Amino acid sequence: MSRADAVKPTVAELGIDLDGLTWRRSGGPDGLEVAFAGEWVLLRTGGADPAEALVFDHGEWDAFLRGAKDQEFDDAVTNGG
């Protein structure tokens, strides 16, 4: 199966104890939170139900972090919000 054919699991399909994960938060109470669960990275809005998290593999997560470090998203920043 190629990468393009691969299907990522939903949060429910991961079969893990979501309450047992350590969620790391950026910013205030509405900041993003990330948790690492084996081969998956979960991302949610601060305080949101873990079942609503987005699921990424480590390759996708690394690509996002590289883009952020390379300022690829700086034009999308809003002030005061």
PDB file of N, CA and C in Angstrom:
ATOM      1  N   MET A   1       0.848  -1.184   0.000  1.00  0.00           N
ATOM      2  CA  MET A   1       0.000   0.000   0.000  1.00  0.00           C
ATOM      3  C   MET A   1       0.887   1.239   0.000  1.00  0.00           C
ATOM      4  N   SER A   2       0.601   2.144  -0.879  1.00  0.00           N
ATOM      5  CA  SER A   2       1.382   3.379  -0.948  1.00  0.00           C
ATOM      6  C   SER A   2       0.898   4.366   0.108  1.00  0.00           C
ATOM      7  N   ARG A   3       1.698   5.371   0.347  1.00  0.00           N
ATOM      8  CA  ARG A   3       1.341   6.411   1.327  1.00  0.00           C
ATOM      9  C   ARG A   3       0.024   7.066   0.944  1.00  0.00           C
ATOM     10  N   ALA A   4      -0.202   7.267  -0.339  1.00  0.00           N
ATOM     11  CA  ALA A   4      -1.435   7.912  -0.795  1.00  0.00           C
ATOM     12  C   ALA A   4      -2.654   7.038  -0.523  1.00  0.00           C
ATOM     13  N   ASP A   5      -2.459   5.718  -0.490  1.00  0.00           N
ATOM     14  CA  ASP A   5      -3.566   4.798  -0.249  1.00  0.00           C
ATOM     15  C   ASP A   5      -3.810   4.551   1.233  1.00  0.00           C
ATOM     16  N   ALA A   6      -2.860   4.924   2.074  1.00  0.00           N
ATOM     17  CA  ALA A   6      -2.974   4.649   3.506  1.00  0.00           C
ATOM     18  C   ALA A   6      -4.118   5.452   4.110  1.00  0.00           C
ATOM     19  N   VAL A   7      -4.820   4.814   5.015  1.00  0.00           N
ATOM     20  CA  VAL A   7      -5.919   5.475   5.703  1.00  0.00           C
ATOM     21  C   VAL A   7      -5.540   5.605   7.173  1.00  0.00           C
ATOM     22  N   LYS A   8      -5.573   6.827   7.664  1.00  0.00           N
ATOM     23  CA  LYS A   8      -5.273   7.055   9.074  1.00  0.00           C
ATOM     24  C   LYS A   8      -6.488   6.682   9.910  1.00  0.00           C
ATOM     25  N   PRO A   9      -6.241   6.215  11.120  1.00  0.00           N
ATOM     26  CA  PRO A   9      -7.365   5.901  11.996  1.00  0.00           C
ATOM     27  C   PRO A   9      -7.998   7.176  12.545  1.00  0.00           C
ATOM     28  N   THR A  10      -9.236   7.056  12.943  1.00  0.00           N
ATOM     29  CA  THR A  10      -9.871   8.132  13.696  1.00  0.00           C
ATOM     30  C   THR A  10      -9.400   8.013  15.137  1.00  0.00           C
ATOM     31  N   VAL A  11      -9.693   9.011  15.944  1.00  0.00           N
ATOM     32  CA  VAL A  11      -9.326   8.947  17.354  1.00  0.00           C
ATOM     33  C   VAL A  11      -9.962   7.715  17.996  1.00  0.00           C
ATOM     34  N   ALA A  12     -11.227   7.453  17.687  1.00  0.00           N
ATOM     35  CA  ALA A  12     -11.924   6.300  18.270  1.00  0.00           C
ATOM     36  C   ALA A  12     -11.256   4.989  17.871  1.00  0.00           C
ATOM     37  N   GLU A  13     -10.748   4.914  16.656  1.00  0.00           N
ATOM     38  CA  GLU A  13     -10.123   3.683  16.169  1.00  0.00           C
ATOM     39  C   GLU A  13      -8.742   3.433  16.765  1.00  0.00           C
ATOM     40  N   LEU A  14      -8.152   4.437  17.398  1.00  0.00           N
ATOM     41  CA  LEU A  14      -6.834   4.250  17.994  1.00  0.00           C
ATOM     42  C   LEU A  14      -6.879   3.266  19.155  1.00  0.00           C
ATOM     43  N   GLY A  15      -8.011   3.187  19.844  1.00  0.00           N
ATOM     44  CA  GLY A  15      -8.158   2.251  20.948  1.00  0.00           C
ATOM     45  C   GLY A  15      -7.243   2.535  22.121  1.00  0.00           C
ATOM     46  N   ILE A  16      -7.024   3.801  22.418  1.00  0.00           N
ATOM     47  CA  ILE A  16      -6.149   4.169  23.532  1.00  0.00           C
ATOM     48  C   ILE A  16      -6.941   4.933  24.583  1.00  0.00           C
ATOM     49  N   ASP A  17      -6.385   4.997  25.785  1.00  0.00           N
ATOM     50  CA  ASP A  17      -6.994   5.748  26.879  1.00  0.00           C
ATOM     51  C   ASP A  17      -6.670   7.227  26.678  1.00  0.00           C
ATOM     52  N   LEU A  18      -7.605   7.958  26.091  1.00  0.00           N
ATOM     53  CA  LEU A  18      -7.367   9.373  25.784  1.00  0.00           C
ATOM     54  C   LEU A  18      -7.180  10.208  27.040  1.00  0.00           C
ATOM     55  N   ASP A  19      -7.851   9.835  28.129  1.00  0.00           N
ATOM     56  CA  ASP A  19      -7.707  10.592  29.372  1.00  0.00           C
ATOM     57  C   ASP A  19      -6.335  10.374  30.005  1.00  0.00           C
ATOM     58  N   GLY A  20      -5.666   9.299  29.625  1.00  0.00           N
ATOM     59  CA  GLY A  20      -4.350   9.009  30.172  1.00  0.00           C
ATOM     60  C   GLY A  20      -3.207   9.676  29.427  1.00  0.00           C
ATOM     61  N   LEU A  21      -3.517  10.358  28.327  1.00  0.00           N
ATOM     62  CA  LEU A  21      -2.478  11.038  27.553  1.00  0.00           C
ATOM     63  C   LEU A  21      -2.051  12.334  28.227  1.00  0.00           C
ATOM     64  N   THR A  22      -0.824  12.725  28.004  1.00  0.00           N
ATOM     65  CA  THR A  22      -0.329  14.022  28.458  1.00  0.00           C
ATOM     66  C   THR A  22      -0.500  15.003  27.314  1.00  0.00           C
ATOM     67  N   TRP A  23      -1.336  16.031  27.536  1.00  0.00           N
ATOM     68  CA  TRP A  23      -1.603  17.051  26.515  1.00  0.00           C
ATOM     69  C   TRP A  23      -0.731  18.255  26.803  1.00  0.00           C
ATOM     70  N   ARG A  24       0.081  18.662  25.828  1.00  0.00           N
ATOM     71  CA  ARG A  24       0.950  19.832  25.956  1.00  0.00           C
ATOM     72  C   ARG A  24       0.266  20.999  25.265  1.00  0.00           C
ATOM     73  N   ARG A  25       0.148  22.122  25.973  1.00  0.00           N
ATOM     74  CA  ARG A  25      -0.611  23.273  25.474  1.00  0.00           C
ATOM     75  C   ARG A  25       0.306  24.420  25.084  1.00  0.00           C
ATOM     76  N   SER A  26      -0.058  25.071  23.966  1.00  0.00           N
ATOM     77  CA  SER A  26       0.623  26.299  23.568  1.00  0.00           C
ATOM     78  C   SER A  26      -0.301  27.464  23.870  1.00  0.00           C
ATOM     79  N   GLY A  27       0.227  28.493  24.480  1.00  0.00           N
ATOM     80  CA  GLY A  27      -0.581  29.677  24.744  1.00  0.00           C
ATOM     81  C   GLY A  27      -1.558  29.494  25.888  1.00  0.00           C
ATOM     82  N   GLY A  28      -2.618  30.304  25.856  1.00  0.00           N
ATOM     83  CA  GLY A  28      -3.620  30.322  26.915  1.00  0.00           C
ATOM     84  C   GLY A  28      -4.590  29.160  26.834  1.00  0.00           C
ATOM     85  N   PRO A  29      -5.733  29.307  27.495  1.00  0.00           N
ATOM     86  CA  PRO A  29      -6.695  28.207  27.575  1.00  0.00           C
ATOM     87  C   PRO A  29      -7.278  27.789  26.231  1.00  0.00           C
ATOM     88  N   ASP A  30      -7.245  28.667  25.244  1.00  0.00           N
ATOM     89  CA  ASP A  30      -7.768  28.327  23.924  1.00  0.00           C
ATOM     90  C   ASP A  30      -6.662  27.933  22.947  1.00  0.00           C
ATOM     91  N   GLY A  31      -5.442  27.786  23.453  1.00  0.00           N
ATOM     92  CA  GLY A  31      -4.329  27.400  22.586  1.00  0.00           C
ATOM     93  C   GLY A  31      -4.473  25.963  22.108  1.00  0.00           C
ATOM     94  N   LEU A  32      -3.615  25.583  21.205  1.00  0.00           N
ATOM     95  CA  LEU A  32      -3.634  24.210  20.713  1.00  0.00           C
ATOM     96  C   LEU A  32      -2.978  23.286  21.721  1.00  0.00           C
ATOM     97  N   GLU A  33      -3.460  22.052  21.762  1.00  0.00           N
ATOM     98  CA  GLU A  33      -2.883  21.027  22.617  1.00  0.00           C
ATOM     99  C   GLU A  33      -2.471  19.849  21.747  1.00  0.00           C
ATOM    100  N   VAL A  34      -1.343  19.257  22.092  1.00  0.00           N
ATOM    101  CA  VAL A  34      -0.836  18.116  21.340  1.00  0.00           C
ATOM    102  C   VAL A  34      -0.502  16.994  22.317  1.00  0.00           C
ATOM    103  N   ALA A  35      -0.779  15.769  21.899  1.00  0.00           N
ATOM    104  CA  ALA A  35      -0.424  14.584  22.679  1.00  0.00           C
ATOM    105  C   ALA A  35       0.189  13.566  21.727  1.00  0.00           C
ATOM    106  N   PHE A  36       1.131  12.804  22.242  1.00  0.00           N
ATOM    107  CA  PHE A  36       1.806  11.793  21.436  1.00  0.00           C
ATOM    108  C   PHE A  36       1.366  10.419  21.920  1.00  0.00           C
ATOM    109  N   ALA A  37       0.891   9.606  20.979  1.00  0.00           N
ATOM    110  CA  ALA A  37       0.372   8.276  21.300  1.00  0.00           C
ATOM    111  C   ALA A  37       0.983   7.271  20.326  1.00  0.00           C
ATOM    112  N   GLY A  38       2.132   6.743  20.686  1.00  0.00           N
ATOM    113  CA  GLY A  38       2.799   5.780  19.811  1.00  0.00           C
ATOM    114  C   GLY A  38       3.176   6.415  18.489  1.00  0.00           C
ATOM    115  N   GLU A  39       2.676   5.836  17.401  1.00  0.00           N
ATOM    116  CA  GLU A  39       3.016   6.352  16.073  1.00  0.00           C
ATOM    117  C   GLU A  39       2.145   7.520  15.649  1.00  0.00           C
ATOM    118  N   TRP A  40       1.260   7.982  16.516  1.00  0.00           N
ATOM    119  CA  TRP A  40       0.313   9.040  16.156  1.00  0.00           C
ATOM    120  C   TRP A  40       0.512  10.282  17.010  1.00  0.00           C
ATOM    121  N   VAL A  41       0.171  11.421  16.419  1.00  0.00           N
ATOM    122  CA  VAL A  41       0.186  12.710  17.101  1.00  0.00           C
ATOM    123  C   VAL A  41      -1.245  13.236  17.052  1.00  0.00           C
ATOM    124  N   LEU A  42      -1.781  13.611  18.208  1.00  0.00           N
ATOM    125  CA  LEU A  42      -3.150  14.123  18.299  1.00  0.00           C
ATOM    126  C   LEU A  42      -3.102  15.617  18.563  1.00  0.00           C
ATOM    127  N   LEU A  43      -3.959  16.367  17.894  1.00  0.00           N
ATOM    128  CA  LEU A  43      -3.990  17.822  18.011  1.00  0.00           C
ATOM    129  C   LEU A  43      -5.424  18.263  18.234  1.00  0.00           C
ATOM    130  N   ARG A  44      -5.628  19.111  19.239  1.00  0.00           N
ATOM    131  CA  ARG A  44      -6.973  19.612  19.528  1.00  0.00           C
ATOM    132  C   ARG A  44      -6.888  21.051  20.025  1.00  0.00           C
ATOM    133  N   THR A  45      -8.031  21.725  20.033  1.00  0.00           N
ATOM    134  CA  THR A  45      -8.134  23.043  20.644  1.00  0.00           C
ATOM    135  C   THR A  45      -8.138  22.855  22.152  1.00  0.00           C
ATOM    136  N   GLY A  46      -7.493  23.756  22.879  1.00  0.00           N
ATOM    137  CA  GLY A  46      -7.372  23.640  24.316  1.00  0.00           C
ATOM    138  C   GLY A  46      -8.679  23.313  25.013  1.00  0.00           C
ATOM    139  N   GLY A  47      -8.667  22.258  25.803  1.00  0.00           N
ATOM    140  CA  GLY A  47      -9.817  21.865  26.591  1.00  0.00           C
ATOM    141  C   GLY A  47     -10.898  21.124  25.831  1.00  0.00           C
ATOM    142  N   ALA A  48     -10.733  20.940  24.533  1.00  0.00           N
ATOM    143  CA  ALA A  48     -11.749  20.239  23.740  1.00  0.00           C
ATOM    144  C   ALA A  48     -11.760  18.758  24.099  1.00  0.00           C
ATOM    145  N   ASP A  49     -12.845  18.114  23.773  1.00  0.00           N
ATOM    146  CA  ASP A  49     -12.976  16.679  23.981  1.00  0.00           C
ATOM    147  C   ASP A  49     -11.864  15.970  23.208  1.00  0.00           C
ATOM    148  N   PRO A  50     -11.101  15.099  23.864  1.00  0.00           N
ATOM    149  CA  PRO A  50     -10.033  14.391  23.155  1.00  0.00           C
ATOM    150  C   PRO A  50     -10.534  13.612  21.941  1.00  0.00           C
ATOM    151  N   ALA A  51     -11.785  13.180  21.976  1.00  0.00           N
ATOM    152  CA  ALA A  51     -12.344  12.417  20.855  1.00  0.00           C
ATOM    153  C   ALA A  51     -12.472  13.267  19.591  1.00  0.00           C
ATOM    154  N   GLU A  52     -12.379  14.594  19.732  1.00  0.00           N
ATOM    155  CA  GLU A  52     -12.480  15.498  18.589  1.00  0.00           C
ATOM    156  C   GLU A  52     -11.113  15.878  18.017  1.00  0.00           C
ATOM    157  N   ALA A  53     -10.055  15.292  18.541  1.00  0.00           N
ATOM    158  CA  ALA A  53      -8.707  15.634  18.099  1.00  0.00           C
ATOM    159  C   ALA A  53      -8.464  15.180  16.663  1.00  0.00           C
ATOM    160  N   LEU A  54      -7.574  15.881  16.005  1.00  0.00           N
ATOM    161  CA  LEU A  54      -7.107  15.493  14.676  1.00  0.00           C
ATOM    162  C   LEU A  54      -5.947  14.518  14.845  1.00  0.00           C
ATOM    163  N   VAL A  55      -5.830  13.555  13.950  1.00  0.00           N
ATOM    164  CA  VAL A  55      -4.790  12.531  14.029  1.00  0.00           C
ATOM    165  C   VAL A  55      -3.779  12.742  12.897  1.00  0.00           C
ATOM    166  N   PHE A  56      -2.504  12.794  13.260  1.00  0.00           N
ATOM    167  CA  PHE A  56      -1.422  12.939  12.290  1.00  0.00           C
ATOM    168  C   PHE A  56      -0.382  11.862  12.549  1.00  0.00           C
ATOM    169  N   ASP A  57       0.325  11.461  11.498  1.00  0.00           N
ATOM    170  CA  ASP A  57       1.469  10.585  11.730  1.00  0.00           C
ATOM    171  C   ASP A  57       2.684  11.478  11.989  1.00  0.00           C
ATOM    172  N   HIS A  58       3.782  10.875  12.401  1.00  0.00           N
ATOM    173  CA  HIS A  58       4.952  11.680  12.766  1.00  0.00           C
ATOM    174  C   HIS A  58       5.546  12.423  11.573  1.00  0.00           C
ATOM    175  N   GLY A  59       5.431  11.871  10.379  1.00  0.00           N
ATOM    176  CA  GLY A  59       5.912  12.571   9.185  1.00  0.00           C
ATOM    177  C   GLY A  59       5.145  13.857   8.948  1.00  0.00           C
ATOM    178  N   GLU A  60       3.829  13.788   9.098  1.00  0.00           N
ATOM    179  CA  GLU A  60       2.997  14.987   8.937  1.00  0.00           C
ATOM    180  C   GLU A  60       3.313  16.006  10.020  1.00  0.00           C
ATOM    181  N   TRP A  61       3.475  15.545  11.250  1.00  0.00           N
ATOM    182  CA  TRP A  61       3.782  16.439  12.366  1.00  0.00           C
ATOM    183  C   TRP A  61       5.131  17.122  12.142  1.00  0.00           C
ATOM    184  N   ASP A  62       6.128  16.352  11.730  1.00  0.00           N
ATOM    185  CA  ASP A  62       7.448  16.929  11.464  1.00  0.00           C
ATOM    186  C   ASP A  62       7.385  17.969  10.347  1.00  0.00           C
ATOM    187  N   ALA A  63       6.611  17.692   9.300  1.00  0.00           N
ATOM    188  CA  ALA A  63       6.468  18.649   8.198  1.00  0.00           C
ATOM    189  C   ALA A  63       5.814  19.938   8.686  1.00  0.00           C
ATOM    190  N   PHE A  64       4.813  19.828   9.549  1.00  0.00           N
ATOM    191  CA  PHE A  64       4.163  21.012  10.112  1.00  0.00           C
ATOM    192  C   PHE A  64       5.158  21.828  10.937  1.00  0.00           C
ATOM    193  N   LEU A  65       5.903  21.154  11.807  1.00  0.00           N
ATOM    194  CA  LEU A  65       6.869  21.874  12.639  1.00  0.00           C
ATOM    195  C   LEU A  65       7.938  22.561  11.800  1.00  0.00           C
ATOM    196  N   ARG A  66       8.427  21.881  10.765  1.00  0.00           N
ATOM    197  CA  ARG A  66       9.420  22.511   9.878  1.00  0.00           C
ATOM    198  C   ARG A  66       8.834  23.748   9.205  1.00  0.00           C
ATOM    199  N   GLY A  67       7.589  23.651   8.749  1.00  0.00           N
ATOM    200  CA  GLY A  67       6.938  24.796   8.116  1.00  0.00           C
ATOM    201  C   GLY A  67       6.794  25.968   9.069  1.00  0.00           C
ATOM    202  N   ALA A  68       6.419  25.669  10.312  1.00  0.00           N
ATOM    203  CA  ALA A  68       6.279  26.738  11.309  1.00  0.00           C
ATOM    204  C   ALA A  68       7.632  27.386  11.593  1.00  0.00           C
ATOM    205  N   LYS A  69       8.660  26.570  11.742  1.00  0.00           N
ATOM    206  CA  LYS A  69       9.998  27.110  12.003  1.00  0.00           C
ATOM    207  C   LYS A  69      10.531  27.920  10.828  1.00  0.00           C
ATOM    208  N   ASP A  70      10.125  27.535   9.621  1.00  0.00           N
ATOM    209  CA  ASP A  70      10.557  28.255   8.418  1.00  0.00           C
ATOM    210  C   ASP A  70       9.645  29.438   8.089  1.00  0.00           C
ATOM    211  N   GLN A  71       8.740  29.770   8.988  1.00  0.00           N
ATOM    212  CA  GLN A  71       7.844  30.928   8.883  1.00  0.00           C
ATOM    213  C   GLN A  71       6.862  30.829   7.716  1.00  0.00           C
ATOM    214  N   GLU A  72       6.515  29.599   7.312  1.00  0.00           N
ATOM    215  CA  GLU A  72       5.597  29.416   6.193  1.00  0.00           C
ATOM    216  C   GLU A  72       4.169  29.871   6.506  1.00  0.00           C
ATOM    217  N   PHE A  73       3.845  30.012   7.779  1.00  0.00           N
ATOM    218  CA  PHE A  73       2.487  30.374   8.163  1.00  0.00           C
ATOM    219  C   PHE A  73       2.378  31.795   8.696  1.00  0.00           C
ATOM    220  N   ASP A  74       3.474  32.532   8.699  1.00  0.00           N
ATOM    221  CA  ASP A  74       3.484  33.866   9.299  1.00  0.00           C
ATOM    222  C   ASP A  74       2.490  34.822   8.653  1.00  0.00           C
ATOM    223  N   ASP A  75       2.193  34.660   7.376  1.00  0.00           N
ATOM    224  CA  ASP A  75       1.244  35.560   6.722  1.00  0.00           C
ATOM    225  C   ASP A  75      -0.190  35.312   7.181  1.00  0.00           C
ATOM    226  N   ALA A  76      -0.431  34.217   7.887  1.00  0.00           N
ATOM    227  CA  ALA A  76      -1.776  33.898   8.369  1.00  0.00           C
ATOM    228  C   ALA A  76      -2.016  34.380   9.799  1.00  0.00           C
ATOM    229  N   VAL A  77      -1.015  34.985  10.422  1.00  0.00           N
ATOM    230  CA  VAL A  77      -1.134  35.440  11.804  1.00  0.00           C
ATOM    231  C   VAL A  77      -2.037  36.662  11.872  1.00  0.00           C
ATOM    232  N   THR A  78      -2.969  36.643  12.839  1.00  0.00           N
ATOM    233  CA  THR A  78      -3.823  37.805  13.076  1.00  0.00           C
ATOM    234  C   THR A  78      -3.412  38.447  14.388  1.00  0.00           C
ATOM    235  N   ASN A  79      -3.593  39.732  14.491  1.00  0.00           N
ATOM    236  CA  ASN A  79      -3.237  40.459  15.708  1.00  0.00           C
ATOM    237  C   ASN A  79      -4.435  40.588  16.623  1.00  0.00           C
ATOM    238  N   GLY A  80      -4.185  40.410  17.912  1.00  0.00           N
ATOM    239  CA  GLY A  80      -5.209  40.649  18.920  1.00  0.00           C
ATOM    240  C   GLY A  80      -6.261  39.571  19.047  1.00  0.00           C
ATOM    241  N   GLY A  81      -6.174  38.474  18.301  1.00  0.00           N
ATOM    242  CA  GLY A  81      -7.229  37.482  18.374  1.00  0.00           C
ATOM    243  C   GLY A  81      -6.853  36.186  18.860  1.00  0.00           C
TER     244      GLY A  81
END
